[in-house]
Every structure is written in structure tokens, then in C-alpha cells.
C-alpha atoms as a PDB file:
ATOM      1  CA  MET A   1       0.000   0.000   0.000  1.00  0.00           C
ATOM      2  CA  LEU A   2       1.278   3.424  -0.840  1.00  0.00           C
ATOM      3  CA  LYS A   3       1.600   6.115   1.761  1.00  0.00           C
ATOM      4  CA  ASN A   4      -1.202   8.629   2.066  1.00  0.00           C
ATOM      5  CA  ASN A   5      -0.364  12.109   0.751  1.00  0.00           C
ATOM      6  CA  GLU A   6       2.414  10.593  -1.341  1.00  0.00           C
ATOM      7  CA  GLU A   7       4.601  13.144  -3.029  1.00  0.00           C
ATOM      8  CA  VAL A   8       5.757  12.244  -6.505  1.00  0.00           C
ATOM      9  CA  VAL A   9       9.367  11.097  -6.113  1.00  0.00           C
ATOM     10  CA  ARG A  10      10.435  11.583  -9.710  1.00  0.00           C
ATOM     11  CA  MET A  11       9.142  11.542 -13.234  1.00  0.00           C
ATOM     12  CA  GLU A  12      11.247   9.507 -15.663  1.00  0.00           C
ATOM     13  CA  ASN A  13       9.193  10.671 -18.604  1.00  0.00           C
ATOM     14  CA  GLU A  14       5.836  12.340 -18.995  1.00  0.00           C
ATOM     15  CA  ASN A  15       3.833   9.178 -18.265  1.00  0.00           C
ATOM     16  CA  ILE A  16       5.943   7.334 -15.669  1.00  0.00           C
ATOM     17  CA  ILE A  17       6.198   8.363 -12.023  1.00  0.00           C
ATOM     18  CA  THR A  18       7.908   6.697  -9.085  1.00  0.00           C
ATOM     19  CA  LEU A  19       6.207   6.494  -5.694  1.00  0.00           C
ATOM     20  CA  LEU A  20       7.330   5.047  -2.378  1.00  0.00           C
ATOM     21  CA  ASP A  21       5.381   2.283  -0.663  1.00  0.00           C
ATOM     22  CA  ASP A  22       5.027   1.974   3.125  1.00  0.00           C
ATOM     23  CA  SER A  23       8.409   0.253   3.406  1.00  0.00           C
ATOM     24  CA  GLY A  24      10.211   2.899   1.329  1.00  0.00           C
ATOM     25  CA  LYS A  25      10.461   0.723  -1.800  1.00  0.00           C
ATOM     26  CA  GLU A  26      10.216   2.646  -5.087  1.00  0.00           C
ATOM     27  CA  ILE A  27       7.428   1.552  -7.438  1.00  0.00           C
ATOM     28  CA  ASP A  28       7.053   2.856 -11.000  1.00  0.00           C
ATOM     29  CA  PHE A  29       3.591   3.693 -12.297  1.00  0.00           C
ATOM     30  CA  GLU A  30       2.291   4.727 -15.677  1.00  0.00           C
ATOM     31  CA  ILE A  31      -0.172   7.603 -15.632  1.00  0.00           C
ATOM     32  CA  VAL A  32      -3.099   6.070 -17.489  1.00  0.00           C
ATOM     33  CA  ALA A  33      -5.381   9.099 -17.209  1.00  0.00           C
ATOM     34  CA  THR A  34      -6.162  12.196 -15.226  1.00  0.00           C
ATOM     35  CA  LEU A  35      -9.766  13.224 -14.637  1.00  0.00           C
ATOM     36  CA  LYS A  36     -11.370  16.323 -13.205  1.00  0.00           C
ATOM     37  CA  ILE A  37     -14.637  15.802 -11.361  1.00  0.00           C
ATOM     38  CA  GLU A  38     -16.335  18.698  -9.565  1.00  0.00           C
ATOM     39  CA  ASP A  39     -13.089  20.725  -9.522  1.00  0.00           C
ATOM     40  CA  ILE A  40     -11.098  17.841  -8.029  1.00  0.00           C
ATOM     41  CA  GLU A  41      -8.372  16.249 -10.131  1.00  0.00           C
ATOM     42  CA  TYR A  42      -7.680  12.517  -9.978  1.00  0.00           C
ATOM     43  CA  ALA A  43      -4.867  10.353 -11.354  1.00  0.00           C
ATOM     44  CA  ILE A  44      -5.405   6.804 -12.584  1.00  0.00           C
ATOM     45  CA  LEU A  45      -2.100   4.918 -12.270  1.00  0.00           C
ATOM     46  CA  SER A  46      -1.070   1.454 -13.413  1.00  0.00           C
ATOM     47  CA  PRO A  47       2.015  -0.343 -12.056  1.00  0.00           C
ATOM     48  CA  VAL A  48       4.738  -0.682 -14.695  1.00  0.00           C
ATOM     49  CA  ASP A  49       5.751  -4.096 -13.303  1.00  0.00           C
ATOM     50  CA  GLU A  50       4.100  -6.791 -15.421  1.00  0.00           C
ATOM     51  CA  ASN A  51       3.327  -8.863 -12.304  1.00  0.00           C
ATOM     52  CA  ASP A  52       1.057  -6.154 -10.864  1.00  0.00           C
ATOM     53  CA  GLU A  53      -2.408  -5.898 -12.341  1.00  0.00           C
ATOM     54  CA  GLY A  54      -5.094  -3.274 -12.044  1.00  0.00           C
ATOM     55  CA  VAL A  55      -4.986   0.435 -11.411  1.00  0.00           C
ATOM     56  CA  VAL A  56      -4.840   2.710  -8.396  1.00  0.00           C
ATOM     57  CA  ILE A  57      -6.695   5.986  -8.059  1.00  0.00           C
ATOM     58  CA  PHE A  58      -5.385   9.060  -6.283  1.00  0.00           C
ATOM     59  CA  LYS A  59      -6.646  12.572  -5.684  1.00  0.00           C
ATOM     60  CA  ILE A  60      -4.168  15.206  -6.872  1.00  0.00           C
ATOM     61  CA  ILE A  61      -3.946  17.940  -4.261  1.00  0.00           C
ATOM     62  CA  ASP A  62      -1.804  21.041  -3.944  1.00  0.00           C
ATOM     63  CA  SER A  63       0.350  21.083  -0.835  1.00  0.00           C
ATOM     64  CA  GLU A  64       2.529  24.148  -0.464  1.00  0.00           C
ATOM     65  CA  GLY A  65       2.815  24.542  -4.226  1.00  0.00           C
ATOM     66  CA  LYS A  66       3.605  20.873  -4.900  1.00  0.00           C
ATOM     67  CA  GLU A  67       1.340  18.256  -6.428  1.00  0.00           C
ATOM     68  CA  VAL A  68       0.715  15.481  -3.916  1.00  0.00           C
ATOM     69  CA  LEU A  69      -1.198  12.248  -4.414  1.00  0.00           C
ATOM     70  CA  GLU A  70      -3.748  11.344  -1.765  1.00  0.00           C
ATOM     71  CA  ASN A  71      -5.570   8.022  -1.418  1.00  0.00           C
ATOM     72  CA  VAL A  72      -9.292   8.207  -2.114  1.00  0.00           C
ATOM     73  CA  GLN A  73     -10.859   6.997   1.142  1.00  0.00           C
ATOM     74  CA  ASP A  74     -14.572   7.559   0.435  1.00  0.00           C
ATOM     75  CA  GLU A  75     -16.217   4.644  -1.400  1.00  0.00           C
ATOM     76  CA  LYS A  76     -18.845   6.859  -3.048  1.00  0.00           C
ATOM     77  CA  GLU A  77     -16.134   9.211  -4.349  1.00  0.00           C
ATOM     78  CA  LEU A  78     -14.076   6.249  -5.575  1.00  0.00           C
ATOM     79  CA  ASN A  79     -17.081   4.805  -7.439  1.00  0.00           C
ATOM     80  CA  GLN A  80     -17.713   8.200  -9.035  1.00  0.00           C
ATOM     81  CA  VAL A  81     -14.130   8.302 -10.355  1.00  0.00           C
ATOM     82  CA  ILE A  82     -14.345   4.709 -11.613  1.00  0.00           C
ATOM     83  CA  SER A  83     -17.583   5.520 -13.473  1.00  0.00           C
ATOM     84  CA  ALA A  84     -16.021   8.610 -15.077  1.00  0.00           C
ATOM     85  CA  TYR A  85     -12.950   6.567 -16.042  1.00  0.00           C
ATOM     86  CA  GLU A  86     -15.122   3.872 -17.645  1.00  0.00           C
ATOM     87  CA  GLU A  87     -17.070   6.549 -19.560  1.00  0.00           C
ATOM     88  CA  LEU A  88     -13.804   7.946 -20.860  1.00  0.00           C
ATOM     89  CA  PHE A  89     -12.943   4.579 -22.411  1.00  0.00           C
ATOM     90  CA  LYS A  90     -16.424   4.166 -23.889  1.00  0.00           C
ATOM     91  CA  GLU A  91     -15.877   7.400 -25.822  1.00  0.00           C
ATOM     92  CA  GLU A  92     -12.605   6.201 -27.370  1.00  0.00           C
END
């Protein structure tokens, strides 16, 4: 599990970011999509490692001028983001 309020460690290219897990291990993620819902921006990330499946969803918040990723704790909010993400792929 990734730390809450996780600051982006580094960006190797425009679509890959590295985050730290709870034990301090670096994990690379591809930014699959960013969505804005009701003035809140979200990032949909997929682990670059082939052994990891699925995506993780974070809120993008501004903390002292830096973009920080925050876990989405509310189930209703999470479902809203998932629905918007699925709609995005229906349009493509």
C-alpha cells in the first residue's frame, strides 16, 4: 500500500512516475489518465511491473505549491471516479 499524501518522487518521462510504498520501496507507475470531477483532479495509475495488475486511483492535491497524491478513502467518491474513467474509455 502506498503512503497517504504521497509526493511524486520523480518523473522519468511524462507518463511514468515513481512512488514510495510503506516500506520505502520505489514503485514505477504509468499515468493512465487524469480526470477532473467537480473541480477535483484525480490520477489513474497502473504499475509498470508486469506482475502487478489493475490500477490505483489518487486525488491530486496542492500542498505548499507541490502536487501530492492522496488516497481516495470515500467509497462513493471512488465509485464516481471509476464511473467517469469507464465513460472515458467508452468514448474512445
